[in-house]
Amino acid sequence: MKIISGKLKSRKINIKKNNIIRPTTCLMRKVLFEWLSKYIKQSKCLDCFSGSGILSIESISRNAKYVISIEKNFFIYKNILNNIKNLSIKNIKVINTNILNLLKKPGKPYDIIFLDPPFYNKIIDNVIYFLTKNNWTKKNTFIFLEKQIKQKIKIPKNWINFKKKNIGQTIGILYLVKNK
């Protein structure tokens, strides 16, 4: 998988074939980072379901200040670590844990949060609840959610639909948090 743009453009990351992760497609990443182009520089990002790590790495390539990358599967976590080492990236911290273990604790707000969970996994409603409840967001935090079009997810009233794009059976929605 190739990095689309930025200082690491065209560099590849290795992904071990498996049935566990579903990396964000090149087309969806292109759309997402066009939406975020004015906001990504020097941003603090949280990648809640890192999988391949491509959203974290693409963010750093486009000059995000740092990314906290969460992956619960140990072997996938190790693969992300190898990719950031091979790319000489210093400002991604990868944590091997279930995202709820982190979000249940009081947090510090992020500028951009990526939510690309396994499709139809009920965990996403709890993740959204704890992001809001425990101060992981602030006014003007951007939250990118990728999901199946028919999937129902509870979205807080203060998350405004900023942009959205359907690609096949998948929808990418960029929310903007208003009035904390």
Protein backbone atom coordinates (compact mmCIF):
# COMPACT_ATOMS: atom_id res chain seq x y z
CA MET A 1 0.00 0.00 0.00
CA LYS A 2 1.39 3.41 -0.98
CA ILE A 3 1.27 6.72 0.84
CA ILE A 4 -0.68 9.16 -1.32
CA SER A 5 0.88 12.53 -0.61
CA GLY A 6 3.18 14.62 1.55
CA LYS A 7 6.78 14.14 2.54
CA LEU A 8 6.44 10.32 2.39
CA LYS A 9 4.56 10.28 -0.93
CA SER A 10 4.86 7.03 -2.89
CA ARG A 11 6.60 5.20 -0.04
CA LYS A 12 5.12 1.80 0.67
CA ILE A 13 3.94 0.22 3.87
CA ASN A 14 3.87 -3.52 4.31
CA ILE A 15 0.62 -5.20 5.23
CA LYS A 16 0.57 -8.85 6.07
CA LYS A 17 -2.39 -10.50 4.35
CA ASN A 18 -5.11 -11.42 6.81
CA ASN A 19 -8.87 -11.30 7.29
CA ILE A 20 -8.68 -9.07 10.34
CA ILE A 21 -8.04 -5.63 8.87
CA ARG A 22 -9.74 -3.70 6.09
CA PRO A 23 -7.45 -0.78 5.25
CA THR A 24 -9.05 2.49 4.15
CA THR A 25 -8.93 2.45 0.36
CA CYS A 26 -6.72 4.78 -1.62
CA LEU A 27 -9.76 6.60 -2.99
CA MET A 28 -11.31 7.15 0.46
CA ARG A 29 -7.94 8.34 1.85
CA LYS A 30 -7.57 10.76 -1.04
CA VAL A 31 -11.03 12.23 -0.34
CA LEU A 32 -10.44 12.35 3.43
CA PHE A 33 -7.10 14.12 3.23
CA GLU A 34 -8.42 16.61 0.67
CA TRP A 35 -11.09 17.49 3.24
CA LEU A 36 -8.47 17.82 5.97
CA SER A 37 -5.83 19.62 3.89
CA LYS A 38 -6.36 22.98 5.64
CA TYR A 39 -6.44 21.44 9.11
CA ILE A 40 -3.90 18.61 9.24
CA LYS A 41 -0.69 20.64 9.59
CA GLN A 42 0.53 20.60 13.22
CA SER A 43 -2.61 18.74 14.32
CA LYS A 44 -2.73 16.22 17.16
CA CYS A 45 -4.39 13.04 15.91
CA LEU A 46 -5.86 9.92 17.47
CA ASP A 47 -6.27 6.82 15.30
CA CYS A 48 -8.64 4.60 17.29
CA PHE A 49 -8.62 1.44 15.13
CA SER A 50 -5.25 1.62 13.40
CA GLY A 51 -5.23 -1.66 11.51
CA SER A 52 -2.67 -1.10 8.76
CA GLY A 53 -1.65 2.25 10.30
CA ILE A 54 -2.15 3.98 6.96
CA LEU A 55 -4.28 6.84 8.34
CA SER A 56 -1.67 7.56 11.02
CA ILE A 57 1.21 7.42 8.56
CA GLU A 58 -0.61 9.49 5.94
CA SER A 59 -1.29 12.14 8.63
CA ILE A 60 2.39 12.39 9.52
CA SER A 61 3.30 12.52 5.84
CA ARG A 62 1.06 15.60 5.62
CA ASN A 63 2.71 17.29 8.61
CA ALA A 64 0.49 16.37 11.54
CA LYS A 65 2.36 17.16 14.75
CA TYR A 66 1.89 13.67 16.18
CA VAL A 67 -0.45 10.68 16.14
CA ILE A 68 -1.45 8.24 18.85
CA SER A 69 -2.24 4.99 17.05
CA ILE A 70 -4.27 2.28 18.83
CA GLU A 71 -4.31 -1.36 17.71
CA LYS A 72 -5.48 -4.25 19.87
CA ASN A 73 -4.14 -7.16 17.78
CA PHE A 74 -0.53 -7.75 18.81
CA PHE A 75 0.69 -8.99 15.40
CA ILE A 76 -0.90 -6.08 13.56
CA TYR A 77 0.50 -3.70 16.20
CA LYS A 78 4.01 -5.10 15.55
CA ASN A 79 3.50 -4.60 11.80
CA ILE A 80 2.64 -0.92 12.35
CA LEU A 81 5.78 -0.54 14.50
CA ASN A 82 7.89 -2.08 11.73
CA ASN A 83 6.39 0.24 9.11
CA ILE A 84 7.01 3.40 11.12
CA LYS A 85 10.56 2.23 11.87
CA ASN A 86 11.21 1.55 8.16
CA LEU A 87 9.87 5.01 7.30
CA SER A 88 11.92 6.65 10.11
CA ILE A 89 8.81 8.20 11.66
CA LYS A 90 9.35 9.46 15.21
CA ASN A 91 6.04 11.18 15.97
CA ILE A 92 3.63 8.23 15.98
CA LYS A 93 3.12 6.45 19.27
CA VAL A 94 1.55 3.01 18.79
CA ILE A 95 -0.30 1.48 21.72
CA ASN A 96 -1.32 -2.19 21.84
CA THR A 97 -4.67 -2.14 23.63
CA ASN A 98 -8.41 -2.25 23.13
CA ILE A 99 -9.47 1.35 22.41
CA LEU A 100 -12.04 1.26 25.22
CA ASN A 101 -9.28 0.66 27.79
CA LEU A 102 -7.86 4.04 26.80
CA LEU A 103 -11.07 6.01 26.30
CA LYS A 104 -12.64 5.02 29.62
CA LYS A 105 -9.96 7.16 31.30
CA PRO A 106 -10.06 10.97 31.27
CA GLY A 107 -8.43 12.17 28.08
CA LYS A 108 -6.88 15.18 26.48
CA PRO A 109 -8.63 16.59 23.41
CA TYR A 110 -7.36 15.88 19.92
CA ASP A 111 -7.68 17.97 16.76
CA ILE A 112 -8.48 15.00 14.49
CA ILE A 113 -9.80 11.56 15.42
CA PHE A 114 -10.03 8.62 13.03
CA LEU A 115 -12.74 6.00 13.59
CA ASP A 116 -12.45 3.15 11.10
CA PRO A 117 -13.65 0.17 13.17
CA PRO A 118 -14.47 -3.31 11.96
CA PHE A 119 -17.81 -2.94 10.17
CA TYR A 120 -20.95 -3.80 12.16
CA ASN A 121 -18.98 -4.04 15.39
CA LYS A 122 -21.05 -2.72 18.30
CA ILE A 123 -17.95 -1.26 19.96
CA ILE A 124 -18.25 1.94 17.92
CA ASP A 125 -21.22 3.26 19.92
CA ASN A 126 -19.22 2.86 23.15
CA VAL A 127 -16.16 4.47 21.57
CA ILE A 128 -18.20 7.52 20.53
CA TYR A 129 -19.79 7.71 23.99
CA PHE A 130 -16.43 7.71 25.81
CA LEU A 131 -14.79 10.09 23.33
CA THR A 132 -17.43 12.65 24.27
CA LYS A 133 -17.86 11.81 27.96
CA ASN A 134 -14.16 11.77 28.88
CA ASN A 135 -13.01 14.90 27.04
CA TRP A 136 -11.15 13.32 24.12
CA THR A 137 -12.82 15.91 21.88
CA LYS A 138 -13.11 19.69 22.02
CA LYS A 139 -14.88 22.35 20.02
CA ASN A 140 -13.73 22.06 16.39
CA THR A 141 -12.31 18.54 16.67
CA PHE A 142 -12.70 16.73 13.35
CA ILE A 143 -13.85 13.11 13.55
CA PHE A 144 -13.64 10.85 10.52
CA LEU A 145 -15.95 7.82 10.61
CA GLU A 146 -15.85 5.09 7.99
CA LYS A 147 -18.72 2.62 8.01
CA GLN A 148 -21.05 0.52 5.88
CA ILE A 149 -23.82 2.67 4.38
CA LYS A 150 -26.64 0.72 6.08
CA GLN A 151 -24.90 0.57 9.47
CA LYS A 152 -26.69 2.54 12.21
CA ILE A 153 -24.47 4.41 14.67
CA LYS A 154 -25.48 6.84 17.44
CA ILE A 155 -23.89 10.23 16.73
CA PRO A 156 -23.86 12.96 19.42
CA LYS A 157 -25.97 16.02 18.66
CA ASN A 158 -22.93 18.30 18.81
CA TRP A 159 -21.18 16.40 15.98
CA ILE A 160 -22.05 18.27 12.80
CA ASN A 161 -21.87 16.45 9.46
CA PHE A 162 -19.11 18.48 7.77
CA LYS A 163 -18.54 16.30 4.65
CA LYS A 164 -19.46 12.84 3.46
CA LYS A 165 -18.65 10.55 0.55
CA ASN A 166 -20.10 7.21 -0.53
CA ILE A 167 -17.72 4.79 -2.22
CA GLY A 168 -19.42 1.51 -3.07
CA GLN A 169 -21.09 0.17 0.08
CA THR A 170 -18.88 2.31 2.33
CA ILE A 171 -19.45 5.85 3.52
CA GLY A 172 -16.84 8.20 4.93
CA ILE A 173 -18.20 11.00 7.09
CA LEU A 174 -16.20 13.89 8.50
CA TYR A 175 -17.84 15.38 11.58
CA LEU A 176 -16.98 18.64 13.28
CA VAL A 177 -17.58 18.92 17.01
CA LYS A 178 -19.52 22.05 17.91
CA ASN A 179 -20.33 23.59 21.30
CA LYS A 180 -18.66 21.23 23.71
